[in-house]
Amino acid sequence: MSEKVSTEVKCSDCGKAATVPFKPTAGKPVYCRECLSKHRTKRTEPRSRVENRNQSLDNEKHAWSRRRESWK
């Protein structure tokens, strides 16, 4: 079983000490929990499987109509 890695780092924004569950990559910023929440983009509500399927079916229908028009 692999052991979890915890690394002490200094936050790239505020300078506070923080512990992260990974080995940081050189040159990439590392943030504490508070600063990370500021940098994250808002996630949208995940669509249901039915919505995803309907969306892909709609895209497929449009693709066929575009192909049909190019056959003329």
C-alpha atoms as a PDB file:
ATOM      1  CA  MET A   1       0.000   0.000   0.000  1.00  0.00           C
ATOM      2  CA  SER A   2       1.379   3.446  -0.884  1.00  0.00           C
ATOM      3  CA  GLU A   3       1.935   6.004   1.825  1.00  0.00           C
ATOM      4  CA  LYS A   4       0.352   9.432   1.585  1.00  0.00           C
ATOM      5  CA  VAL A   5       2.816  12.257   1.103  1.00  0.00           C
ATOM      6  CA  SER A   6       2.361  15.426   3.149  1.00  0.00           C
ATOM      7  CA  THR A   7       4.630  18.367   2.422  1.00  0.00           C
ATOM      8  CA  GLU A   8       5.095  21.583   4.387  1.00  0.00           C
ATOM      9  CA  VAL A   9       5.013  24.572   2.019  1.00  0.00           C
ATOM     10  CA  LYS A  10       4.791  28.342   2.104  1.00  0.00           C
ATOM     11  CA  CYS A  11       1.664  29.746   0.417  1.00  0.00           C
ATOM     12  CA  SER A  12       2.508  31.601  -2.795  1.00  0.00           C
ATOM     13  CA  ASP A  13      -0.092  34.306  -2.015  1.00  0.00           C
ATOM     14  CA  CYS A  14      -0.109  35.055   1.692  1.00  0.00           C
ATOM     15  CA  GLY A  15       3.126  33.396   2.812  1.00  0.00           C
ATOM     16  CA  LYS A  16       1.498  31.269   5.533  1.00  0.00           C
ATOM     17  CA  ALA A  17       2.828  27.802   6.247  1.00  0.00           C
ATOM     18  CA  ALA A  18       0.553  25.069   4.912  1.00  0.00           C
ATOM     19  CA  THR A  19       0.584  21.312   4.528  1.00  0.00           C
ATOM     20  CA  VAL A  20      -0.373  19.868   1.151  1.00  0.00           C
ATOM     21  CA  PRO A  21      -1.079  16.202   0.312  1.00  0.00           C
ATOM     22  CA  PHE A  22       1.334  16.114  -2.646  1.00  0.00           C
ATOM     23  CA  LYS A  23       4.878  16.873  -3.650  1.00  0.00           C
ATOM     24  CA  PRO A  24       4.841  20.373  -5.230  1.00  0.00           C
ATOM     25  CA  THR A  25       6.216  20.873  -8.727  1.00  0.00           C
ATOM     26  CA  ALA A  26       9.042  23.402  -9.008  1.00  0.00           C
ATOM     27  CA  GLY A  27       7.912  26.668 -10.573  1.00  0.00           C
ATOM     28  CA  LYS A  28       4.192  26.164  -9.879  1.00  0.00           C
ATOM     29  CA  PRO A  29       2.421  28.147  -7.168  1.00  0.00           C
ATOM     30  CA  VAL A  30       1.154  26.348  -4.075  1.00  0.00           C
ATOM     31  CA  TYR A  31      -1.638  27.867  -1.979  1.00  0.00           C
ATOM     32  CA  CYS A  32      -2.979  27.417   1.539  1.00  0.00           C
ATOM     33  CA  ARG A  33      -6.622  26.361   1.883  1.00  0.00           C
ATOM     34  CA  GLU A  34      -7.946  29.935   2.102  1.00  0.00           C
ATOM     35  CA  CYS A  35      -6.004  31.233  -0.911  1.00  0.00           C
ATOM     36  CA  LEU A  36      -6.787  28.142  -2.972  1.00  0.00           C
ATOM     37  CA  SER A  37     -10.520  28.826  -2.637  1.00  0.00           C
ATOM     38  CA  LYS A  38      -9.915  32.324  -4.080  1.00  0.00           C
ATOM     39  CA  HIS A  39      -8.086  30.912  -7.111  1.00  0.00           C
ATOM     40  CA  ARG A  40     -10.502  28.125  -7.959  1.00  0.00           C
ATOM     41  CA  THR A  41     -13.001  28.768 -10.711  1.00  0.00           C
ATOM     42  CA  LYS A  42     -16.646  28.285  -9.864  1.00  0.00           C
ATOM     43  CA  ARG A  43     -17.853  24.845 -10.780  1.00  0.00           C
ATOM     44  CA  THR A  44     -21.187  24.550 -12.480  1.00  0.00           C
ATOM     45  CA  GLU A  45     -23.799  22.072 -11.374  1.00  0.00           C
ATOM     46  CA  PRO A  46     -23.058  18.702 -12.926  1.00  0.00           C
ATOM     47  CA  ARG A  47     -25.588  17.695 -15.531  1.00  0.00           C
ATOM     48  CA  SER A  48     -27.483  14.491 -15.107  1.00  0.00           C
ATOM     49  CA  ARG A  49     -26.750  11.528 -17.358  1.00  0.00           C
ATOM     50  CA  VAL A  50     -30.069  12.057 -19.131  1.00  0.00           C
ATOM     51  CA  GLU A  51     -29.179  15.675 -19.923  1.00  0.00           C
ATOM     52  CA  ASN A  52     -25.734  14.629 -21.176  1.00  0.00           C
ATOM     53  CA  ARG A  53     -27.283  11.943 -23.383  1.00  0.00           C
ATOM     54  CA  ASN A  54     -29.895  14.338 -24.779  1.00  0.00           C
ATOM     55  CA  GLN A  55     -27.184  16.899 -25.524  1.00  0.00           C
ATOM     56  CA  SER A  56     -25.054  14.345 -27.375  1.00  0.00           C
ATOM     57  CA  LEU A  57     -28.097  13.150 -29.361  1.00  0.00           C
ATOM     58  CA  ASP A  58     -28.883  16.743 -30.360  1.00  0.00           C
ATOM     59  CA  ASN A  59     -25.297  17.256 -31.502  1.00  0.00           C
ATOM     60  CA  GLU A  60     -25.443  14.027 -33.492  1.00  0.00           C
ATOM     61  CA  LYS A  61     -28.668  15.098 -35.246  1.00  0.00           C
ATOM     62  CA  HIS A  62     -27.112  18.426 -36.204  1.00  0.00           C
ATOM     63  CA  ALA A  63     -24.005  16.694 -37.508  1.00  0.00           C
ATOM     64  CA  TRP A  64     -26.122  14.509 -39.785  1.00  0.00           C
ATOM     65  CA  SER A  65     -28.058  17.464 -41.136  1.00  0.00           C
ATOM     66  CA  ARG A  66     -24.805  19.272 -41.922  1.00  0.00           C
ATOM     67  CA  ARG A  67     -23.464  16.199 -43.710  1.00  0.00           C
ATOM     68  CA  ARG A  68     -26.685  15.771 -45.685  1.00  0.00           C
ATOM     69  CA  GLU A  69     -26.503  19.349 -46.932  1.00  0.00           C
ATOM     70  CA  SER A  70     -22.944  18.824 -48.119  1.00  0.00           C
ATOM     71  CA  TRP A  71     -24.075  15.782 -50.165  1.00  0.00           C
ATOM     72  CA  LYS A  72     -26.352  17.946 -52.356  1.00  0.00           C
END
